[in-house]
Amino acid sequence: MVPTDPEPAGGTAMNRPVLAAIDTPERSGAAAHWAAAEALRRGAPLRLLHAWPNSGNGDQLLLADLREAARRMLDGLADELRAAHPGVEVATSVVAGAAVDALLRAATECELLVLGTRGLGGFHGLLVGSVSLSTVGRCDTPVVLVRAEMPPNPRAAQHAVPRDAVPEVVVGLDPQVPAGPVLDFAFEEAARRGAPVHVVHGWETPPTYNYGYAAGWVPSQEDRRLLETLATRLVSDALAPWREKYPQVLVVEDVRAGGAAGALVDAAGEAALFVVGRRDRSLGVGPRLGPVAHAVIHHAPAPVAVVPHA
């Protein structure tokens, strides 16, 4: 199987908002600015949402004061975003209830959900909390995770991309798994930015039983070249429909030996955005993230988009 064909152009509702989850300006400020810039790129409004766990118990006057403080916080952040991103349309809302449930409900009406994460910086990894992991694992809408340490003003630094480099949209691809929505998302983001798409595939030596080799077989250099040639051909064939749909987007094919997660993180040098897929699993409980998506959102230094697919 290969990635499904791209959706026809114009298949999404461009007036659906970008949703940014706000905890505090310090924790969510970078995500809010990223979401505002993304809303402008999409020609969409931006919605800021703060969820607070109101069980209905406790001092009602105190709860009312906390709710009003949250409203003031969102209003102040909205004014900051309007000043930093002229033309962006910002709405705010404060909802009561568990954060994950509130975000999942709100995301059904939005094109994109943006969450802030607490990062350690560089390649040391991200401290992705349980709310973010649970939301990413269950959300039917694409979710973007943005490190809190990123400069809040996108003009100050282009997501740590070197000044003389062209920011890329980096996407992981397994050409034998149908993941059309993931490639659709990556190519759309690249087209909006005027950026290249850096497609990364990490190939590994197949299990010996598939090829009848004896246990302990070590592939020769010629065998490895043949496997890499096959992997390169599969990637090129899988990308052909998207090259045709997006002729203006430069595509960089990057086929590497090794695991997919390591290949993606190693390709991070000029990334403005990572795009990974999440399989829609109907069984099991808790976050449903595969090992590649899980590794990338913890270790990638740039924002990471997690796109659900069948």
C-alpha atoms as a PDB file:
ATOM      1  CA  MET A   1       0.000   0.000   0.000  1.00  0.00           C
ATOM      2  CA  VAL A   2       1.079   3.583  -0.618  1.00  0.00           C
ATOM      3  CA  PRO A   3      -0.126   6.960   0.668  1.00  0.00           C
ATOM      4  CA  THR A   4      -3.581   7.761  -0.669  1.00  0.00           C
ATOM      5  CA  ASP A   5      -3.990  10.355  -3.397  1.00  0.00           C
ATOM      6  CA  PRO A   6      -4.087  14.020  -2.386  1.00  0.00           C
ATOM      7  CA  GLU A   7      -7.385  15.692  -1.718  1.00  0.00           C
ATOM      8  CA  PRO A   8      -8.562  18.034  -4.473  1.00  0.00           C
ATOM      9  CA  ALA A   9      -7.705  21.696  -4.023  1.00  0.00           C
ATOM     10  CA  GLY A  10     -10.256  23.735  -2.107  1.00  0.00           C
ATOM     11  CA  GLY A  11     -11.436  20.773  -0.058  1.00  0.00           C
ATOM     12  CA  THR A  12     -11.139  22.508   3.349  1.00  0.00           C
ATOM     13  CA  ALA A  13     -13.197  25.306   4.833  1.00  0.00           C
ATOM     14  CA  MET A  14     -10.822  28.233   5.049  1.00  0.00           C
ATOM     15  CA  ASN A  15     -13.042  30.173   7.462  1.00  0.00           C
ATOM     16  CA  ARG A  16     -12.791  27.592  10.249  1.00  0.00           C
ATOM     17  CA  PRO A  17     -10.690  29.047  13.063  1.00  0.00           C
ATOM     18  CA  VAL A  18      -7.261  28.137  14.345  1.00  0.00           C
ATOM     19  CA  LEU A  19      -7.609  27.240  18.017  1.00  0.00           C
ATOM     20  CA  ALA A  20      -4.874  28.013  20.564  1.00  0.00           C
ATOM     21  CA  ALA A  21      -5.115  26.514  24.043  1.00  0.00           C
ATOM     22  CA  ILE A  22      -3.982  29.020  26.673  1.00  0.00           C
ATOM     23  CA  ASP A  23      -2.796  28.093  30.139  1.00  0.00           C
ATOM     24  CA  THR A  24      -0.825  31.223  31.081  1.00  0.00           C
ATOM     25  CA  PRO A  25       0.878  33.756  28.783  1.00  0.00           C
ATOM     26  CA  GLU A  26       4.260  32.522  30.007  1.00  0.00           C
ATOM     27  CA  ARG A  27       3.530  28.883  29.139  1.00  0.00           C
ATOM     28  CA  SER A  28       1.354  29.466  26.090  1.00  0.00           C
ATOM     29  CA  GLY A  29       2.594  32.778  24.676  1.00  0.00           C
ATOM     30  CA  ALA A  30       4.844  31.269  22.000  1.00  0.00           C
ATOM     31  CA  ALA A  31       2.062  28.904  20.915  1.00  0.00           C
ATOM     32  CA  ALA A  32      -0.407  31.798  20.734  1.00  0.00           C
ATOM     33  CA  HIS A  33       1.926  33.841  18.506  1.00  0.00           C
ATOM     34  CA  TRP A  34       2.597  30.817  16.305  1.00  0.00           C
ATOM     35  CA  ALA A  35      -1.155  30.238  16.013  1.00  0.00           C
ATOM     36  CA  ALA A  36      -1.763  33.894  15.118  1.00  0.00           C
ATOM     37  CA  ALA A  37       0.797  33.750  12.311  1.00  0.00           C
ATOM     38  CA  GLU A  38      -0.740  30.495  11.105  1.00  0.00           C
ATOM     39  CA  ALA A  39      -4.230  31.990  11.140  1.00  0.00           C
ATOM     40  CA  LEU A  40      -3.022  34.828   8.920  1.00  0.00           C
ATOM     41  CA  ARG A  41      -1.404  32.343   6.530  1.00  0.00           C
ATOM     42  CA  ARG A  42      -4.707  30.459   6.308  1.00  0.00           C
ATOM     43  CA  GLY A  43      -6.914  33.531   6.103  1.00  0.00           C
ATOM     44  CA  ALA A  44      -8.711  32.212   9.183  1.00  0.00           C
ATOM     45  CA  PRO A  45      -9.754  33.695  12.520  1.00  0.00           C
ATOM     46  CA  LEU A  46      -7.934  32.795  15.718  1.00  0.00           C
ATOM     47  CA  ARG A  47      -9.671  31.567  18.849  1.00  0.00           C
ATOM     48  CA  LEU A  48      -7.967  31.600  22.258  1.00  0.00           C
ATOM     49  CA  LEU A  49      -9.415  29.112  24.735  1.00  0.00           C
ATOM     50  CA  HIS A  50      -8.763  28.720  28.456  1.00  0.00           C
ATOM     51  CA  ALA A  51     -10.278  25.734  30.276  1.00  0.00           C
ATOM     52  CA  TRP A  52     -10.611  25.716  34.035  1.00  0.00           C
ATOM     53  CA  PRO A  53     -11.703  22.725  36.165  1.00  0.00           C
ATOM     54  CA  ASN A  54     -14.900  24.028  37.765  1.00  0.00           C
ATOM     55  CA  SER A  55     -16.619  21.148  39.551  1.00  0.00           C
ATOM     56  CA  GLY A  56     -19.460  23.336  40.781  1.00  0.00           C
ATOM     57  CA  ASN A  57     -18.241  23.075  44.357  1.00  0.00           C
ATOM     58  CA  GLY A  58     -16.436  25.618  46.499  1.00  0.00           C
ATOM     59  CA  ASP A  59     -16.764  29.346  47.029  1.00  0.00           C
ATOM     60  CA  GLN A  60     -18.818  30.649  44.104  1.00  0.00           C
ATOM     61  CA  LEU A  61     -17.532  34.211  44.551  1.00  0.00           C
ATOM     62  CA  LEU A  62     -13.936  32.960  44.401  1.00  0.00           C
ATOM     63  CA  LEU A  63     -14.709  30.868  41.326  1.00  0.00           C
ATOM     64  CA  ALA A  64     -16.309  33.883  39.659  1.00  0.00           C
ATOM     65  CA  ASP A  65     -13.205  35.957  40.438  1.00  0.00           C
ATOM     66  CA  LEU A  66     -10.952  33.276  38.934  1.00  0.00           C
ATOM     67  CA  ARG A  67     -13.080  33.124  35.805  1.00  0.00           C
ATOM     68  CA  GLU A  68     -12.964  36.903  35.425  1.00  0.00           C
ATOM     69  CA  ALA A  69      -9.176  36.867  35.909  1.00  0.00           C
ATOM     70  CA  ALA A  70      -8.929  34.290  33.117  1.00  0.00           C
ATOM     71  CA  ARG A  71     -11.020  36.502  30.848  1.00  0.00           C
ATOM     72  CA  ARG A  72      -8.777  39.489  31.537  1.00  0.00           C
ATOM     73  CA  MET A  73      -5.701  37.377  30.847  1.00  0.00           C
ATOM     74  CA  LEU A  74      -7.089  36.247  27.491  1.00  0.00           C
ATOM     75  CA  ASP A  75      -8.163  39.772  26.556  1.00  0.00           C
ATOM     76  CA  GLY A  76      -4.659  41.072  27.268  1.00  0.00           C
ATOM     77  CA  LEU A  77      -3.063  38.324  25.207  1.00  0.00           C
ATOM     78  CA  ALA A  78      -5.528  38.967  22.376  1.00  0.00           C
ATOM     79  CA  ASP A  79      -4.532  42.650  22.303  1.00  0.00           C
ATOM     80  CA  GLU A  80      -0.859  41.634  22.215  1.00  0.00           C
ATOM     81  CA  LEU A  81      -1.481  39.307  19.276  1.00  0.00           C
ATOM     82  CA  ARG A  82      -3.444  41.919  17.314  1.00  0.00           C
ATOM     83  CA  ALA A  83      -0.562  44.356  17.721  1.00  0.00           C
ATOM     84  CA  ALA A  84       2.107  41.814  16.741  1.00  0.00           C
ATOM     85  CA  HIS A  85       0.124  40.286  13.847  1.00  0.00           C
ATOM     86  CA  PRO A  86      -1.836  43.092  12.150  1.00  0.00           C
ATOM     87  CA  GLY A  87      -4.969  41.827  10.484  1.00  0.00           C
ATOM     88  CA  VAL A  88      -5.510  38.743  12.624  1.00  0.00           C
ATOM     89  CA  GLU A  89      -9.063  38.328  13.925  1.00  0.00           C
ATOM     90  CA  VAL A  90      -8.982  37.111  17.546  1.00  0.00           C
ATOM     91  CA  ALA A  91     -11.805  35.799  19.712  1.00  0.00           C
ATOM     92  CA  THR A  92     -11.516  34.507  23.274  1.00  0.00           C
ATOM     93  CA  SER A  93     -13.454  32.041  25.382  1.00  0.00           C
ATOM     94  CA  VAL A  94     -13.244  30.624  28.902  1.00  0.00           C
ATOM     95  CA  VAL A  95     -14.893  27.242  29.409  1.00  0.00           C
ATOM     96  CA  ALA A  96     -15.409  25.153  32.516  1.00  0.00           C
ATOM     97  CA  GLY A  97     -14.396  21.519  32.577  1.00  0.00           C
ATOM     98  CA  ALA A  98     -11.448  19.195  32.257  1.00  0.00           C
ATOM     99  CA  ALA A  99      -8.850  20.627  29.879  1.00  0.00           C
ATOM    100  CA  VAL A 100      -8.575  17.613  27.555  1.00  0.00           C
ATOM    101  CA  ASP A 101     -12.336  17.218  27.125  1.00  0.00           C
ATOM    102  CA  ALA A 102     -12.798  20.963  26.565  1.00  0.00           C
ATOM    103  CA  LEU A 103     -10.057  21.051  23.932  1.00  0.00           C
ATOM    104  CA  LEU A 104     -11.363  17.985  22.108  1.00  0.00           C
ATOM    105  CA  ARG A 105     -14.872  19.478  21.936  1.00  0.00           C
ATOM    106  CA  ALA A 106     -13.649  22.847  20.718  1.00  0.00           C
ATOM    107  CA  ALA A 107     -11.254  21.319  18.170  1.00  0.00           C
ATOM    108  CA  THR A 108     -14.103  19.666  16.270  1.00  0.00           C
ATOM    109  CA  GLU A 109     -15.083  23.129  14.990  1.00  0.00           C
ATOM    110  CA  CYS A 110     -11.539  24.214  14.100  1.00  0.00           C
ATOM    111  CA  GLU A 111      -8.998  23.634  11.357  1.00  0.00           C
ATOM    112  CA  LEU A 112      -6.070  23.292  13.720  1.00  0.00           C
ATOM    113  CA  LEU A 113      -5.333  23.067  17.450  1.00  0.00           C
ATOM    114  CA  VAL A 114      -2.135  24.645  18.804  1.00  0.00           C
ATOM    115  CA  LEU A 115      -0.715  23.678  22.206  1.00  0.00           C
ATOM    116  CA  GLY A 116       2.261  25.012  24.126  1.00  0.00           C
ATOM    117  CA  THR A 117       4.809  22.620  25.633  1.00  0.00           C
ATOM    118  CA  ARG A 118       7.516  23.148  28.223  1.00  0.00           C
ATOM    119  CA  GLY A 119      10.849  22.436  26.557  1.00  0.00           C
ATOM    120  CA  LEU A 120      14.379  21.849  27.785  1.00  0.00           C
ATOM    121  CA  GLY A 121      15.874  23.416  24.676  1.00  0.00           C
ATOM    122  CA  GLY A 122      17.985  22.038  21.836  1.00  0.00           C
ATOM    123  CA  PHE A 123      17.950  18.291  21.377  1.00  0.00           C
ATOM    124  CA  HIS A 124      17.613  17.459  25.071  1.00  0.00           C
ATOM    125  CA  GLY A 125      13.915  16.876  24.537  1.00  0.00           C
ATOM    126  CA  LEU A 126      10.530  18.273  25.391  1.00  0.00           C
ATOM    127  CA  LEU A 127       8.667  17.898  28.645  1.00  0.00           C
ATOM    128  CA  VAL A 128       5.299  17.139  27.084  1.00  0.00           C
ATOM    129  CA  GLY A 129       2.671  17.004  29.794  1.00  0.00           C
ATOM    130  CA  SER A 130      -0.223  14.591  30.173  1.00  0.00           C
ATOM    131  CA  VAL A 131      -2.778  17.095  28.870  1.00  0.00           C
ATOM    132  CA  SER A 132      -0.850  17.593  25.632  1.00  0.00           C
ATOM    133  CA  LEU A 133      -0.192  13.875  25.138  1.00  0.00           C
ATOM    134  CA  SER A 134      -3.801  12.929  25.849  1.00  0.00           C
ATOM    135  CA  THR A 135      -5.103  15.615  23.507  1.00  0.00           C
ATOM    136  CA  VAL A 136      -2.739  14.700  20.687  1.00  0.00           C
ATOM    137  CA  GLY A 137      -3.556  11.027  21.082  1.00  0.00           C
ATOM    138  CA  ARG A 138      -7.320  11.536  20.854  1.00  0.00           C
ATOM    139  CA  CYS A 139      -7.888  14.620  18.709  1.00  0.00           C
ATOM    140  CA  ASP A 140      -9.402  14.176  15.242  1.00  0.00           C
ATOM    141  CA  THR A 141      -8.065  17.598  14.232  1.00  0.00           C
ATOM    142  CA  PRO A 142      -4.362  18.189  13.451  1.00  0.00           C
ATOM    143  CA  VAL A 143      -2.505  19.379  16.553  1.00  0.00           C
ATOM    144  CA  VAL A 144       0.652  21.505  16.586  1.00  0.00           C
ATOM    145  CA  LEU A 145       2.933  21.481  19.644  1.00  0.00           C
ATOM    146  CA  VAL A 146       5.017  24.631  20.123  1.00  0.00           C
ATOM    147  CA  ARG A 147       7.846  24.921  22.633  1.00  0.00           C
ATOM    148  CA  ALA A 148       7.390  27.583  25.284  1.00  0.00           C
ATOM    149  CA  GLU A 149      11.038  28.603  24.832  1.00  0.00           C
ATOM    150  CA  MET A 150      10.523  29.738  21.251  1.00  0.00           C
ATOM    151  CA  PRO A 151      10.711  33.519  20.804  1.00  0.00           C
ATOM    152  CA  PRO A 152       7.129  34.816  21.053  1.00  0.00           C
ATOM    153  CA  ASN A 153       7.623  37.284  18.199  1.00  0.00           C
ATOM    154  CA  PRO A 154       8.164  35.374  14.948  1.00  0.00           C
ATOM    155  CA  ARG A 155      10.117  38.338  13.544  1.00  0.00           C
ATOM    156  CA  ALA A 156      12.722  37.948  16.278  1.00  0.00           C
ATOM    157  CA  ALA A 157      13.775  34.476  15.183  1.00  0.00           C
ATOM    158  CA  GLN A 158      12.428  32.123  12.560  1.00  0.00           C
ATOM    159  CA  HIS A 159      12.098  29.101  14.851  1.00  0.00           C
ATOM    160  CA  ALA A 160      15.864  28.848  15.392  1.00  0.00           C
ATOM    161  CA  VAL A 161      16.506  28.402  11.656  1.00  0.00           C
ATOM    162  CA  PRO A 162      19.897  29.821  10.584  1.00  0.00           C
ATOM    163  CA  ARG A 163      19.556  33.219   8.948  1.00  0.00           C
ATOM    164  CA  ASP A 164      20.990  32.090   5.610  1.00  0.00           C
ATOM    165  CA  ALA A 165      18.884  28.893   5.515  1.00  0.00           C
ATOM    166  CA  VAL A 166      15.479  28.379   3.950  1.00  0.00           C
ATOM    167  CA  PRO A 167      12.977  27.112   6.540  1.00  0.00           C
ATOM    168  CA  GLU A 168      11.635  23.694   5.582  1.00  0.00           C
ATOM    169  CA  VAL A 169       8.559  21.676   6.366  1.00  0.00           C
ATOM    170  CA  VAL A 170       9.923  18.274   7.385  1.00  0.00           C
ATOM    171  CA  VAL A 171       7.567  15.315   7.040  1.00  0.00           C
ATOM    172  CA  GLY A 172       8.080  11.654   7.781  1.00  0.00           C
ATOM    173  CA  LEU A 173       6.934   9.158   5.164  1.00  0.00           C
ATOM    174  CA  ASP A 174       6.477   5.417   5.154  1.00  0.00           C
ATOM    175  CA  PRO A 175       5.639   4.736   1.494  1.00  0.00           C
ATOM    176  CA  GLN A 176       3.943   1.445   2.393  1.00  0.00           C
ATOM    177  CA  VAL A 177       1.424   3.037   4.780  1.00  0.00           C
ATOM    178  CA  PRO A 178      -1.516   5.079   3.426  1.00  0.00           C
ATOM    179  CA  ALA A 179      -1.152   8.533   5.004  1.00  0.00           C
ATOM    180  CA  GLY A 180      -2.599  10.977   2.505  1.00  0.00           C
ATOM    181  CA  PRO A 181      -3.794  13.506   5.137  1.00  0.00           C
ATOM    182  CA  VAL A 182      -0.240  13.787   6.495  1.00  0.00           C
ATOM    183  CA  LEU A 183       1.230  14.668   3.093  1.00  0.00           C
ATOM    184  CA  ASP A 184      -1.718  16.959   2.334  1.00  0.00           C
ATOM    185  CA  PHE A 185      -1.005  18.881   5.532  1.00  0.00           C
ATOM    186  CA  ALA A 186       2.748  19.099   4.902  1.00  0.00           C
ATOM    187  CA  PHE A 187       2.431  20.289   1.303  1.00  0.00           C
ATOM    188  CA  GLU A 188      -0.276  22.821   2.182  1.00  0.00           C
ATOM    189  CA  GLU A 189       1.907  24.251   4.945  1.00  0.00           C
ATOM    190  CA  ALA A 190       4.890  24.447   2.603  1.00  0.00           C
ATOM    191  CA  ALA A 191       2.812  26.134  -0.105  1.00  0.00           C
ATOM    192  CA  ARG A 192       1.561  28.760   2.368  1.00  0.00           C
ATOM    193  CA  ARG A 193       5.113  29.510   3.495  1.00  0.00           C
ATOM    194  CA  GLY A 194       6.797  29.315   0.101  1.00  0.00           C
ATOM    195  CA  ALA A 195       9.018  26.670   1.714  1.00  0.00           C
ATOM    196  CA  PRO A 196      10.439  23.338   0.535  1.00  0.00           C
ATOM    197  CA  VAL A 197       9.036  20.040   1.765  1.00  0.00           C
ATOM    198  CA  HIS A 198      11.779  17.843   3.200  1.00  0.00           C
ATOM    199  CA  VAL A 199      10.437  14.281   3.006  1.00  0.00           C
ATOM    200  CA  VAL A 200      12.300  11.880   5.288  1.00  0.00           C
ATOM    201  CA  HIS A 201      12.129   8.091   5.114  1.00  0.00           C
ATOM    202  CA  GLY A 202      14.235   5.958   7.430  1.00  0.00           C
ATOM    203  CA  TRP A 203      14.592   2.472   5.993  1.00  0.00           C
ATOM    204  CA  GLU A 204      15.752  -0.562   7.905  1.00  0.00           C
ATOM    205  CA  THR A 205      16.967  -4.011   6.936  1.00  0.00           C
ATOM    206  CA  PRO A 206      13.824  -6.136   6.567  1.00  0.00           C
ATOM    207  CA  PRO A 207      13.203  -9.105   8.874  1.00  0.00           C
ATOM    208  CA  THR A 208      15.195 -12.104   7.706  1.00  0.00           C
ATOM    209  CA  TYR A 209      12.175 -14.358   7.391  1.00  0.00           C
ATOM    210  CA  ASN A 210      10.768 -12.172   4.626  1.00  0.00           C
ATOM    211  CA  TYR A 211      13.715 -12.988   2.428  1.00  0.00           C
ATOM    212  CA  GLY A 212      14.668 -16.473   3.570  1.00  0.00           C
ATOM    213  CA  TYR A 213      18.051 -15.474   4.997  1.00  0.00           C
ATOM    214  CA  ALA A 214      19.590 -17.425   7.818  1.00  0.00           C
ATOM    215  CA  ALA A 215      19.498 -16.027  11.317  1.00  0.00           C
ATOM    216  CA  GLY A 216      22.352 -13.651  11.953  1.00  0.00           C
ATOM    217  CA  TRP A 217      22.630 -12.632   8.305  1.00  0.00           C
ATOM    218  CA  VAL A 218      24.423  -9.341   7.820  1.00  0.00           C
ATOM    219  CA  PRO A 219      23.659  -7.545   4.535  1.00  0.00           C
ATOM    220  CA  SER A 220      26.572  -6.805   2.256  1.00  0.00           C
ATOM    221  CA  GLN A 221      27.259  -3.353   0.864  1.00  0.00           C
ATOM    222  CA  GLU A 222      25.635  -4.412  -2.381  1.00  0.00           C
ATOM    223  CA  ASP A 223      22.550  -5.642  -0.530  1.00  0.00           C
ATOM    224  CA  ARG A 224      22.314  -2.322   1.314  1.00  0.00           C
ATOM    225  CA  ARG A 225      22.614  -0.377  -1.946  1.00  0.00           C
ATOM    226  CA  LEU A 226      19.810  -2.453  -3.452  1.00  0.00           C
ATOM    227  CA  LEU A 227      17.595  -1.895  -0.417  1.00  0.00           C
ATOM    228  CA  GLU A 228      18.273   1.845  -0.477  1.00  0.00           C
ATOM    229  CA  THR A 229      17.518   1.989  -4.209  1.00  0.00           C
ATOM    230  CA  LEU A 230      14.217   0.214  -3.602  1.00  0.00           C
ATOM    231  CA  ALA A 231      13.327   2.541  -0.734  1.00  0.00           C
ATOM    232  CA  THR A 232      14.179   5.602  -2.847  1.00  0.00           C
ATOM    233  CA  ARG A 233      11.976   4.360  -5.693  1.00  0.00           C
ATOM    234  CA  LEU A 234       9.058   3.692  -3.334  1.00  0.00           C
ATOM    235  CA  VAL A 235       9.333   7.192  -1.841  1.00  0.00           C
ATOM    236  CA  SER A 236       9.528   8.828  -5.261  1.00  0.00           C
ATOM    237  CA  ASP A 237       6.497   6.901  -6.521  1.00  0.00           C
ATOM    238  CA  ALA A 238       4.491   7.727  -3.395  1.00  0.00           C
ATOM    239  CA  LEU A 239       5.208  11.452  -3.779  1.00  0.00           C
ATOM    240  CA  ALA A 240       4.311  11.676  -7.485  1.00  0.00           C
ATOM    241  CA  PRO A 241       0.656  12.760  -6.941  1.00  0.00           C
ATOM    242  CA  TRP A 242       1.705  15.534  -4.557  1.00  0.00           C
ATOM    243  CA  ARG A 243       4.419  16.780  -6.901  1.00  0.00           C
ATOM    244  CA  GLU A 244       1.741  17.059  -9.570  1.00  0.00           C
ATOM    245  CA  LYS A 245      -0.720  18.863  -7.312  1.00  0.00           C
ATOM    246  CA  TYR A 246       1.894  21.261  -5.885  1.00  0.00           C
ATOM    247  CA  PRO A 247       4.280  22.010  -8.763  1.00  0.00           C
ATOM    248  CA  GLN A 248       5.388  25.231  -7.034  1.00  0.00           C
ATOM    249  CA  VAL A 249       6.675  23.375  -3.948  1.00  0.00           C
ATOM    250  CA  LEU A 250      10.284  22.205  -3.972  1.00  0.00           C
ATOM    251  CA  VAL A 251      10.508  18.609  -2.725  1.00  0.00           C
ATOM    252  CA  VAL A 252      13.645  17.263  -1.068  1.00  0.00           C
ATOM    253  CA  GLU A 253      13.661  13.465  -0.847  1.00  0.00           C
ATOM    254  CA  ASP A 254      15.792  12.218   2.035  1.00  0.00           C
ATOM    255  CA  VAL A 255      16.106   8.420   2.254  1.00  0.00           C
ATOM    256  CA  ARG A 256      18.304   7.272   5.141  1.00  0.00           C
ATOM    257  CA  ALA A 257      19.304   3.991   6.709  1.00  0.00           C
ATOM    258  CA  GLY A 258      18.040   3.619  10.260  1.00  0.00           C
ATOM    259  CA  GLY A 259      14.843   4.089  12.188  1.00  0.00           C
ATOM    260  CA  ALA A 260      12.221   6.629  11.167  1.00  0.00           C
ATOM    261  CA  ALA A 261      12.243   8.626  14.419  1.00  0.00           C
ATOM    262  CA  GLY A 262      16.014   9.088  14.441  1.00  0.00           C
ATOM    263  CA  ALA A 263      16.026  10.048  10.762  1.00  0.00           C
ATOM    264  CA  LEU A 264      13.395  12.729  11.361  1.00  0.00           C
ATOM    265  CA  VAL A 265      15.110  14.315  14.359  1.00  0.00           C
ATOM    266  CA  ASP A 266      18.473  14.199  12.562  1.00  0.00           C
ATOM    267  CA  ALA A 267      16.894  16.214   9.734  1.00  0.00           C
ATOM    268  CA  ALA A 268      15.996  19.040  12.097  1.00  0.00           C
ATOM    269  CA  GLY A 269      18.662  21.591  11.185  1.00  0.00           C
ATOM    270  CA  GLU A 270      16.554  23.868   8.974  1.00  0.00           C
ATOM    271  CA  ALA A 271      13.069  22.804  10.031  1.00  0.00           C
ATOM    272  CA  ALA A 272      10.365  25.397  10.579  1.00  0.00           C
ATOM    273  CA  LEU A 273       7.788  22.662  11.177  1.00  0.00           C
ATOM    274  CA  PHE A 274       7.762  18.894  11.606  1.00  0.00           C
ATOM    275  CA  VAL A 275       4.798  16.872  10.384  1.00  0.00           C
ATOM    276  CA  VAL A 276       4.146  13.333  11.621  1.00  0.00           C
ATOM    277  CA  GLY A 277       1.157  11.035  11.389  1.00  0.00           C
ATOM    278  CA  ARG A 278      -0.935   9.364  14.049  1.00  0.00           C
ATOM    279  CA  ARG A 279      -2.874   6.258  13.174  1.00  0.00           C
ATOM    280  CA  ASP A 280      -6.534   6.300  14.191  1.00  0.00           C
ATOM    281  CA  ARG A 281      -6.821   3.319  16.509  1.00  0.00           C
ATOM    282  CA  SER A 282     -10.284   2.277  17.659  1.00  0.00           C
ATOM    283  CA  LEU A 283      -9.049  -0.045  20.426  1.00  0.00           C
ATOM    284  CA  GLY A 284      -7.156   0.627  23.628  1.00  0.00           C
ATOM    285  CA  VAL A 285      -7.231   3.462  26.133  1.00  0.00           C
ATOM    286  CA  GLY A 286      -5.126   6.526  26.719  1.00  0.00           C
ATOM    287  CA  PRO A 287      -3.010   8.386  24.158  1.00  0.00           C
ATOM    288  CA  ARG A 288      -2.758   6.526  20.872  1.00  0.00           C
ATOM    289  CA  LEU A 289       0.604   7.713  19.618  1.00  0.00           C
ATOM    290  CA  GLY A 290       2.939   5.523  17.631  1.00  0.00           C
ATOM    291  CA  PRO A 291       6.640   5.338  18.537  1.00  0.00           C
ATOM    292  CA  VAL A 292       7.728   7.703  15.746  1.00  0.00           C
ATOM    293  CA  ALA A 293       5.266  10.468  16.634  1.00  0.00           C
ATOM    294  CA  HIS A 294       6.017  10.014  20.335  1.00  0.00           C
ATOM    295  CA  ALA A 295       9.780  10.321  19.807  1.00  0.00           C
ATOM    296  CA  VAL A 296       9.547  13.328  17.502  1.00  0.00           C
ATOM    297  CA  ILE A 297       7.256  15.413  19.726  1.00  0.00           C
ATOM    298  CA  HIS A 298       9.623  14.833  22.653  1.00  0.00           C
ATOM    299  CA  HIS A 299      12.870  15.591  20.829  1.00  0.00           C
ATOM    300  CA  ALA A 300      12.244  17.840  17.820  1.00  0.00           C
ATOM    301  CA  PRO A 301      13.437  21.427  18.368  1.00  0.00           C
ATOM    302  CA  ALA A 302      10.826  23.012  16.062  1.00  0.00           C
ATOM    303  CA  PRO A 303       7.009  22.949  16.271  1.00  0.00           C
ATOM    304  CA  VAL A 304       5.534  19.508  15.576  1.00  0.00           C
ATOM    305  CA  ALA A 305       2.246  18.916  13.772  1.00  0.00           C
ATOM    306  CA  VAL A 306       0.567  15.586  14.525  1.00  0.00           C
ATOM    307  CA  VAL A 307      -1.947  14.681  11.826  1.00  0.00           C
ATOM    308  CA  PRO A 308      -4.445  11.844  12.359  1.00  0.00           C
ATOM    309  CA  HIS A 309      -5.054   9.435   9.495  1.00  0.00           C
ATOM    310  CA  ALA A 310      -6.769   6.116   8.905  1.00  0.00           C
END
